[in-house]
N, C-alpha and C. Protein backbone atom coordinates (compact mmCIF):
# COMPACT_ATOMS: atom_id res chain seq x y z
N MET A 1 170.78 91.52 123.94
CA MET A 1 170.36 90.66 124.30
C MET A 1 170.17 90.35 125.49
N ALA A 2 168.91 90.63 126.31
CA ALA A 2 168.87 89.97 127.58
C ALA A 2 169.03 88.89 127.89
N LYS A 3 169.78 89.09 129.30
CA LYS A 3 170.02 88.02 129.83
C LYS A 3 168.33 87.10 130.60
N LYS A 4 168.82 85.62 130.72
CA LYS A 4 167.64 84.85 130.88
C LYS A 4 167.61 85.02 132.74
N GLN A 5 165.94 85.12 133.08
CA GLN A 5 165.96 85.44 134.84
C GLN A 5 166.25 84.40 135.28
N ALA A 6 166.93 84.43 136.25
CA ALA A 6 167.04 83.43 137.19
C ALA A 6 166.16 82.71 138.05
N ASN A 7 165.62 83.66 137.91
CA ASN A 7 164.02 82.96 138.94
C ASN A 7 162.96 83.16 137.77
N GLU A 8 163.26 81.85 136.60
CA GLU A 8 162.30 81.76 135.67
C GLU A 8 160.85 81.42 136.43
N PRO A 9 159.39 81.53 135.65
CA PRO A 9 158.68 81.67 136.41
C PRO A 9 158.18 80.18 136.26
N ARG A 10 157.37 79.23 136.87
CA ARG A 10 157.39 77.58 137.04
C ARG A 10 155.87 77.77 135.88
N THR A 11 155.99 76.46 135.65
CA THR A 11 154.77 75.82 134.78
C THR A 11 153.38 75.45 135.96
N ILE A 12 152.38 76.34 135.80
CA ILE A 12 151.38 75.98 136.24
C ILE A 12 150.54 74.94 135.42
N GLU A 13 150.03 74.02 136.03
CA GLU A 13 149.24 72.66 135.94
C GLU A 13 148.21 72.48 135.78
N ASN A 14 147.37 71.51 135.47
CA ASN A 14 145.81 71.73 135.96
C ASN A 14 145.84 69.79 135.84
N ARG A 15 146.19 69.55 137.23
CA ARG A 15 146.17 68.16 137.33
C ARG A 15 144.95 67.25 136.91
N LYS A 16 143.90 68.10 137.67
CA LYS A 16 142.55 67.42 137.95
C LYS A 16 142.19 67.10 136.68
N ALA A 17 142.48 67.77 135.44
CA ALA A 17 141.97 67.56 133.98
C ALA A 17 142.31 66.40 134.11
N ARG A 18 143.70 66.00 134.33
CA ARG A 18 144.26 64.51 133.38
C ARG A 18 143.70 63.30 134.48
N PHE A 19 142.69 63.94 135.57
CA PHE A 19 142.27 62.70 136.61
C PHE A 19 140.75 62.64 135.68
N ASP A 20 140.22 63.68 135.61
CA ASP A 20 139.04 63.48 135.19
C ASP A 20 138.46 63.68 133.69
N TYR A 21 139.17 63.66 132.69
CA TYR A 21 139.69 63.33 131.50
C TYR A 21 140.72 62.09 130.91
N HIS A 22 139.84 61.68 129.22
CA HIS A 22 141.08 61.65 128.49
C HIS A 22 141.32 62.41 128.03
N ILE A 23 142.59 62.83 127.83
CA ILE A 23 143.16 63.97 126.84
C ILE A 23 143.65 63.02 125.39
N GLU A 24 142.88 63.40 124.68
CA GLU A 24 142.94 62.52 122.95
C GLU A 24 144.02 63.20 122.56
N GLU A 25 143.96 64.94 122.17
CA GLU A 25 144.66 65.59 121.37
C GLU A 25 145.47 66.69 122.50
N THR A 26 146.26 67.13 121.88
CA THR A 26 147.35 68.50 122.83
C THR A 26 147.46 69.18 121.61
N LEU A 27 147.62 71.19 122.15
CA LEU A 27 148.01 72.24 121.53
C LEU A 27 148.08 73.37 121.81
N GLU A 28 149.51 73.90 121.76
CA GLU A 28 150.21 75.27 122.16
C GLU A 28 149.55 76.00 121.88
N VAL A 29 148.71 76.71 122.18
CA VAL A 29 148.22 78.33 122.03
C VAL A 29 148.62 79.40 122.80
N GLY A 30 148.54 80.20 122.06
CA GLY A 30 149.23 81.66 122.78
C GLY A 30 147.76 82.37 123.64
N ILE A 31 148.03 83.51 124.44
CA ILE A 31 146.97 83.86 125.47
C ILE A 31 147.35 84.99 125.89
N ALA A 32 146.03 85.91 125.01
CA ALA A 32 146.27 87.40 125.03
C ALA A 32 145.96 87.81 126.70
N LEU A 33 146.89 88.36 127.18
CA LEU A 33 146.92 88.75 128.55
C LEU A 33 146.89 90.21 129.36
N ARG A 34 146.61 91.03 129.58
CA ARG A 34 146.98 92.35 130.41
C ARG A 34 148.13 92.42 131.17
N GLY A 35 148.68 93.59 131.22
CA GLY A 35 149.66 93.56 131.98
C GLY A 35 150.02 93.16 133.18
N SER A 36 148.83 93.45 133.80
CA SER A 36 148.53 93.12 135.60
C SER A 36 148.59 91.51 135.72
N GLU A 37 147.91 91.22 134.76
CA GLU A 37 147.99 89.71 134.29
C GLU A 37 149.04 89.08 134.26
N VAL A 38 150.17 89.53 133.30
CA VAL A 38 150.87 88.63 133.21
C VAL A 38 151.82 88.83 134.51
N LYS A 39 151.94 89.70 135.43
CA LYS A 39 152.95 89.81 136.51
C LYS A 39 152.06 89.01 137.20
N ALA A 40 151.02 88.79 137.42
CA ALA A 40 150.01 87.94 138.35
C ALA A 40 150.29 86.06 137.85
N VAL A 41 150.45 85.95 136.81
CA VAL A 41 150.43 84.57 136.34
C VAL A 41 152.35 84.13 136.93
N ARG A 42 153.19 84.88 136.69
CA ARG A 42 154.67 85.09 136.93
C ARG A 42 154.80 84.71 138.43
N ALA A 43 153.63 85.27 139.19
CA ALA A 43 153.48 85.35 140.50
C ALA A 43 153.29 83.80 140.70
N GLY A 44 152.72 83.32 139.97
CA GLY A 44 151.83 81.93 140.22
C GLY A 44 150.50 82.21 141.01
N THR A 45 150.03 82.85 140.71
CA THR A 45 148.53 83.03 141.61
C THR A 45 147.17 82.89 140.41
N VAL A 46 147.39 81.27 139.63
CA VAL A 46 146.45 81.05 138.69
C VAL A 46 145.97 79.76 138.94
N SER A 47 144.54 79.36 138.77
CA SER A 47 143.79 77.93 139.02
C SER A 47 143.53 77.85 137.54
N LEU A 48 143.92 76.56 137.07
CA LEU A 48 142.86 76.02 135.92
C LEU A 48 142.35 75.15 135.75
N GLY A 49 142.28 75.16 137.19
CA GLY A 49 140.85 73.94 137.24
C GLY A 49 139.68 73.95 137.11
N GLU A 50 139.17 75.18 136.82
CA GLU A 50 137.58 75.12 136.66
C GLU A 50 137.50 75.97 135.02
N GLY A 51 138.38 76.01 134.46
CA GLY A 51 138.75 76.46 133.16
C GLY A 51 137.99 75.41 132.02
N TYR A 52 137.47 76.18 131.12
CA TYR A 52 137.13 75.45 130.02
C TYR A 52 137.31 76.85 128.51
N VAL A 53 137.54 76.08 127.70
CA VAL A 53 137.75 76.89 126.19
C VAL A 53 136.21 76.54 125.41
N LEU A 54 136.03 77.65 125.10
CA LEU A 54 134.80 77.67 123.86
C LEU A 54 135.03 78.44 122.53
N VAL A 55 134.60 77.58 121.79
CA VAL A 55 134.94 77.65 120.30
C VAL A 55 133.89 77.94 119.47
N GLU A 56 133.72 79.61 119.62
CA GLU A 56 132.02 80.01 118.55
C GLU A 56 132.75 80.97 117.56
N GLY A 57 131.33 81.21 116.76
CA GLY A 57 132.03 82.75 115.90
C GLY A 57 131.96 81.76 114.38
N ASN A 58 132.14 82.61 113.37
CA ASN A 58 132.34 82.55 111.87
C ASN A 58 133.23 83.08 111.44
N PRO A 59 134.62 83.43 111.36
CA PRO A 59 135.61 82.25 111.81
C PRO A 59 135.10 82.16 112.98
N PRO A 60 135.57 80.69 112.98
CA PRO A 60 135.64 80.53 114.97
C PRO A 60 137.11 81.09 115.22
N THR A 61 136.74 81.35 116.82
CA THR A 61 137.25 81.91 117.76
C THR A 61 137.71 80.72 118.77
N MET A 62 138.86 80.95 119.66
CA MET A 62 138.98 80.12 121.08
C MET A 62 139.06 81.31 121.92
N THR A 63 138.02 81.14 122.87
CA THR A 63 138.02 81.88 124.43
C THR A 63 138.20 80.76 125.66
N LEU A 64 139.29 81.65 126.41
CA LEU A 64 139.31 80.69 127.61
C LEU A 64 138.07 81.46 128.89
N VAL A 65 137.42 80.59 129.52
CA VAL A 65 136.74 80.91 130.35
C VAL A 65 136.42 79.93 131.56
N GLY A 66 136.72 80.82 132.82
CA GLY A 66 136.97 80.38 134.40
C GLY A 66 138.09 79.95 134.72
N VAL A 67 138.82 80.47 133.99
CA VAL A 67 140.27 80.53 134.77
C VAL A 67 140.62 81.71 135.40
N ASN A 68 140.84 81.79 136.62
CA ASN A 68 141.10 82.55 137.68
C ASN A 68 142.41 83.12 137.74
N ILE A 69 142.67 84.28 137.14
CA ILE A 69 144.13 84.82 137.56
C ILE A 69 143.85 86.12 138.51
N GLY A 70 144.48 85.74 139.65
CA GLY A 70 144.54 86.25 140.92
C GLY A 70 145.33 87.98 140.51
N GLU A 71 144.94 88.82 141.27
CA GLU A 71 145.08 90.22 141.52
C GLU A 71 146.42 90.10 141.78
N TYR A 72 147.23 91.27 140.88
CA TYR A 72 148.51 91.80 141.23
C TYR A 72 148.16 93.05 141.89
N ALA A 73 148.74 92.81 143.00
CA ALA A 73 148.39 94.32 144.25
C ALA A 73 149.05 95.11 144.14
N PRO A 74 150.31 95.63 143.27
CA PRO A 74 150.67 96.75 142.81
C PRO A 74 149.90 97.27 141.81
N ALA A 75 148.95 96.66 140.82
CA ALA A 75 149.11 97.40 139.98
C ALA A 75 147.18 98.05 140.49
N GLY A 76 147.17 98.11 141.70
CA GLY A 76 146.31 98.80 142.07
C GLY A 76 144.35 98.74 141.45
N GLY A 77 143.91 100.30 141.28
CA GLY A 77 143.06 100.36 140.55
C GLY A 77 142.96 99.90 139.03
N LEU A 78 144.12 99.62 138.79
CA LEU A 78 144.65 99.63 137.25
C LEU A 78 144.32 98.10 136.47
N GLY A 79 144.29 97.33 137.92
CA GLY A 79 144.57 95.98 137.64
C GLY A 79 143.19 95.38 136.79
N HIS A 80 143.09 93.97 136.94
CA HIS A 80 142.19 92.97 135.85
C HIS A 80 140.99 92.60 136.67
N ARG A 81 140.13 92.07 136.14
CA ARG A 81 139.10 91.22 136.91
C ARG A 81 139.69 89.43 136.84
N ALA A 82 139.51 88.81 137.73
CA ALA A 82 140.18 87.64 138.34
C ALA A 82 139.57 86.59 136.66
N THR A 83 138.34 86.79 136.50
CA THR A 83 137.65 85.21 135.80
C THR A 83 137.50 86.01 134.95
N ARG A 84 137.68 87.25 134.14
CA ARG A 84 137.19 87.52 132.98
C ARG A 84 137.49 86.48 131.50
N ALA A 85 136.88 86.72 130.52
CA ALA A 85 137.64 85.66 129.42
C ALA A 85 138.42 86.23 128.49
N ARG A 86 139.43 85.04 128.32
CA ARG A 86 140.52 85.56 127.45
C ARG A 86 140.66 85.50 126.21
N ALA A 87 140.96 86.18 124.94
CA ALA A 87 141.41 85.36 123.76
C ALA A 87 142.44 84.33 123.78
N LEU A 88 142.42 83.28 122.87
CA LEU A 88 142.95 82.30 122.66
C LEU A 88 143.84 82.57 121.47
N LEU A 89 145.28 82.47 121.10
CA LEU A 89 145.64 82.41 120.06
C LEU A 89 146.26 81.56 119.11
N ALA A 90 145.51 81.02 117.89
CA ALA A 90 146.23 80.06 117.22
C ALA A 90 145.63 80.12 116.05
N HIS A 91 146.24 79.30 114.50
CA HIS A 91 145.80 79.62 113.27
C HIS A 91 144.62 79.12 113.08
N ARG A 92 143.88 79.83 112.04
CA ARG A 92 142.62 79.22 111.72
C ARG A 92 142.35 77.56 111.77
N ARG A 93 143.07 77.23 111.02
CA ARG A 93 142.92 76.00 110.64
C ARG A 93 143.30 74.96 111.92
N GLU A 94 143.93 74.94 112.44
CA GLU A 94 143.78 74.64 114.18
C GLU A 94 142.70 74.77 114.66
N VAL A 95 141.96 76.15 114.70
CA VAL A 95 140.86 76.06 115.39
C VAL A 95 139.38 75.75 114.57
N VAL A 96 139.67 75.99 113.26
CA VAL A 96 138.33 74.92 112.72
C VAL A 96 138.75 73.67 113.08
N LYS A 97 139.76 72.80 113.01
CA LYS A 97 140.00 71.53 113.32
C LYS A 97 139.37 70.67 115.06
N LEU A 98 140.02 71.88 115.68
CA LEU A 98 139.52 71.49 117.18
C LEU A 98 137.56 71.95 117.04
N ALA A 99 137.07 72.81 116.57
CA ALA A 99 135.73 73.00 116.31
C ALA A 99 135.15 71.68 116.08
N LYS A 100 135.90 70.94 114.45
CA LYS A 100 134.80 69.79 114.32
C LYS A 100 135.37 68.70 115.34
N ARG A 101 136.51 68.50 116.21
CA ARG A 101 136.51 67.66 117.10
C ARG A 101 135.74 67.81 118.05
N ILE A 102 135.52 69.02 118.50
CA ILE A 102 134.30 68.68 119.65
C ILE A 102 132.94 68.92 119.81
N GLU A 103 132.39 68.76 118.21
CA GLU A 103 131.13 68.50 117.85
C GLU A 103 130.89 67.58 118.57
N GLN A 104 131.43 66.46 118.41
CA GLN A 104 131.47 64.90 118.84
C GLN A 104 130.58 64.79 120.06
N LYS A 105 130.01 64.21 120.79
CA LYS A 105 129.29 64.42 122.26
C LYS A 105 130.44 64.11 122.56
N GLY A 106 130.43 64.39 123.90
CA GLY A 106 131.13 64.19 124.95
C GLY A 106 132.54 64.80 125.08
N MET A 107 132.93 65.63 123.94
CA MET A 107 134.24 66.02 123.65
C MET A 107 134.18 67.95 124.85
N THR A 108 135.46 68.42 124.54
CA THR A 108 135.49 69.00 125.32
C THR A 108 136.90 70.05 125.21
N ILE A 109 137.44 71.01 125.19
CA ILE A 109 138.25 71.49 125.35
C ILE A 109 139.02 72.18 126.90
N VAL A 110 140.08 71.58 127.76
CA VAL A 110 139.97 71.94 128.53
C VAL A 110 141.54 72.36 128.91
N PRO A 111 142.07 73.68 129.63
CA PRO A 111 143.41 73.74 129.86
C PRO A 111 144.14 73.18 130.72
N LEU A 112 145.49 72.63 129.85
CA LEU A 112 146.49 71.31 131.13
C LEU A 112 147.50 72.42 131.43
N LYS A 113 148.25 73.35 130.49
CA LYS A 113 149.41 74.23 131.22
C LYS A 113 149.54 75.56 130.92
N LEU A 114 150.18 76.27 132.01
CA LEU A 114 149.84 77.75 131.44
C LEU A 114 151.52 78.07 131.84
N TYR A 115 152.04 78.33 131.04
CA TYR A 115 153.49 78.62 131.04
C TYR A 115 154.06 79.62 129.97
N PHE A 116 155.24 80.20 130.13
CA PHE A 116 156.11 80.84 129.57
C PHE A 116 157.17 80.42 128.66
N LYS A 117 157.49 80.74 127.02
CA LYS A 117 158.30 80.36 126.57
C LYS A 117 158.89 81.67 125.46
N ASN A 118 159.93 81.78 125.59
CA ASN A 118 160.72 83.39 125.05
C ASN A 118 159.65 84.28 125.43
N GLY A 119 159.45 84.10 126.52
CA GLY A 119 158.91 85.88 127.18
C GLY A 119 157.47 85.40 126.76
N TRP A 120 157.45 84.83 125.71
CA TRP A 120 155.45 85.00 125.63
C TRP A 120 154.67 83.61 126.52
N ALA A 121 153.46 84.14 127.22
CA ALA A 121 152.44 83.17 127.81
C ALA A 121 151.71 82.46 126.85
N LYS A 122 152.31 81.12 127.21
CA LYS A 122 151.67 80.10 125.82
C LYS A 122 150.91 78.65 127.07
N LEU A 123 149.24 78.48 126.34
CA LEU A 123 148.73 77.66 126.92
C LEU A 123 148.64 76.12 126.29
N GLU A 124 148.74 75.21 126.95
CA GLU A 124 148.18 73.83 126.62
C GLU A 124 147.00 73.42 126.73
N ILE A 125 146.47 73.17 125.65
CA ILE A 125 145.00 73.13 125.78
C ILE A 125 145.06 71.43 124.91
N GLY A 126 143.97 70.96 125.86
CA GLY A 126 143.91 69.58 125.17
C GLY A 126 142.48 68.81 124.63
N VAL A 127 142.12 68.23 123.97
CA VAL A 127 140.81 67.75 123.60
C VAL A 127 140.78 66.65 124.63
N ALA A 128 139.38 66.57 125.32
CA ALA A 128 139.23 65.89 126.04
C ALA A 128 137.64 65.09 126.46
N ARG A 129 137.88 63.51 126.23
CA ARG A 129 136.43 63.30 127.07
C ARG A 129 136.63 62.59 128.31
N GLY A 130 135.27 63.00 129.17
CA GLY A 130 134.92 62.43 130.44
C GLY A 130 134.94 61.08 130.75
N LYS A 131 136.21 60.89 131.61
CA LYS A 131 136.21 60.05 132.46
C LYS A 131 134.98 59.62 133.26
N SER A 132 134.44 58.46 133.51
CA SER A 132 133.43 57.40 134.16
C SER A 132 133.82 57.33 135.24
N LYS A 133 133.30 57.02 136.59
CA LYS A 133 133.41 57.05 137.70
C LYS A 133 134.43 55.95 137.75
N SER A 134 134.31 54.96 136.87
CA SER A 134 134.97 53.22 137.16
C SER A 134 136.12 53.30 136.62
N ASP A 135 136.47 54.67 135.34
CA ASP A 135 137.49 54.64 135.02
C ASP A 135 138.34 55.50 136.32
N LYS A 136 137.99 56.44 136.45
CA LYS A 136 138.59 57.00 138.08
C LYS A 136 138.95 55.92 138.98
N ARG A 137 138.12 55.39 139.44
CA ARG A 137 138.59 54.61 140.47
C ARG A 137 139.66 53.59 140.17
N GLN A 138 139.77 53.16 139.17
CA GLN A 138 140.97 52.42 138.47
C GLN A 138 142.19 53.22 138.58
N ALA A 139 142.02 54.05 138.08
CA ALA A 139 143.33 55.04 138.27
C ALA A 139 144.01 55.15 139.62
N ILE A 140 142.93 55.53 140.36
CA ILE A 140 142.73 55.61 141.77
C ILE A 140 144.06 54.13 142.09
N GLY A 141 143.35 53.11 141.81
CA GLY A 141 143.80 51.68 142.01
C GLY A 141 145.06 51.73 141.49
N GLU A 142 145.31 51.58 140.66
CA GLU A 142 146.93 51.86 139.57
C GLU A 142 147.73 52.45 140.52
N ARG A 143 147.07 54.36 140.61
CA ARG A 143 148.42 54.88 141.81
C ARG A 143 148.49 54.29 143.04
N GLU A 144 147.86 53.95 143.90
CA GLU A 144 148.29 53.31 145.04
C GLU A 144 148.99 51.75 144.98
N ALA A 145 148.39 51.11 144.14
CA ALA A 145 149.26 50.04 143.72
C ALA A 145 150.78 50.41 143.43
N GLN A 146 151.11 51.42 142.53
CA GLN A 146 152.30 51.88 141.97
C GLN A 146 153.18 52.27 143.51
N ARG A 147 151.95 52.83 144.18
CA ARG A 147 152.97 53.68 145.55
C ARG A 147 153.44 52.65 146.64
N ASP A 148 152.69 51.50 146.58
CA ASP A 148 153.15 50.30 147.17
C ASP A 148 154.41 49.63 146.58
N ILE A 149 154.54 49.34 145.73
CA ILE A 149 155.56 49.07 144.78
C ILE A 149 156.98 49.48 145.55
N ASP A 150 156.68 50.83 144.72
CA ASP A 150 157.74 51.52 144.82
C ASP A 150 158.43 51.55 146.78
N ARG A 151 157.15 51.68 147.71
CA ARG A 151 157.64 51.35 148.93
C ARG A 151 158.25 50.10 149.38
N ALA A 152 158.10 48.91 149.00
CA ALA A 152 158.50 47.73 149.04
C ALA A 152 159.66 47.86 148.61
N MET A 153 160.46 48.23 147.01
CA MET A 153 161.51 48.13 146.55
C MET A 153 162.55 48.95 147.44
N SER A 154 161.87 50.08 147.88
CA SER A 154 162.83 50.88 148.47
C SER A 154 163.38 50.34 149.92
N ARG A 155 162.44 49.71 150.78
CA ARG A 155 162.59 49.14 151.97
C ARG A 155 163.91 47.66 151.39
N ARG A 156 163.90 46.74 150.12
CA ARG A 156 164.67 46.09 150.35
C ARG A 156 166.02 46.92 149.66
N ARG A 157 166.25 47.77 149.57
CA ARG A 157 167.86 48.56 149.54
C ARG A 157 168.38 49.11 150.66
């Protein structure tokens, strides 16, 4: 059995998604990557901020679109395109369930986290509804208030 690597790759999160959307449901799915993409993800050169998930076809399949996985320089000319569409892997019943959820107005599927689990690349996706500007302002206000409270408490000690 292989030893666990000491420099385990970190989790890449899409923090912007939690600010821009109300996440109603999450699901862990696999992602089909090429060799140079796996190396680039382990190096941490990934941007999930612009990505979204398309569910299309009959039977429905999921495709990750708009996620930028940077180049892996040692791959040279055999590398990958940074923003190509990538297949997501999930059970058919889960894909059908998600397809029904996003038929509602204002619903979309966004990538939340990309990480490795037992050597396999996993993506956490969320069924989301967009936030209004007032919701975003309220979230900013709550965050600033909590920050002020934390500062005051640290001074008391």
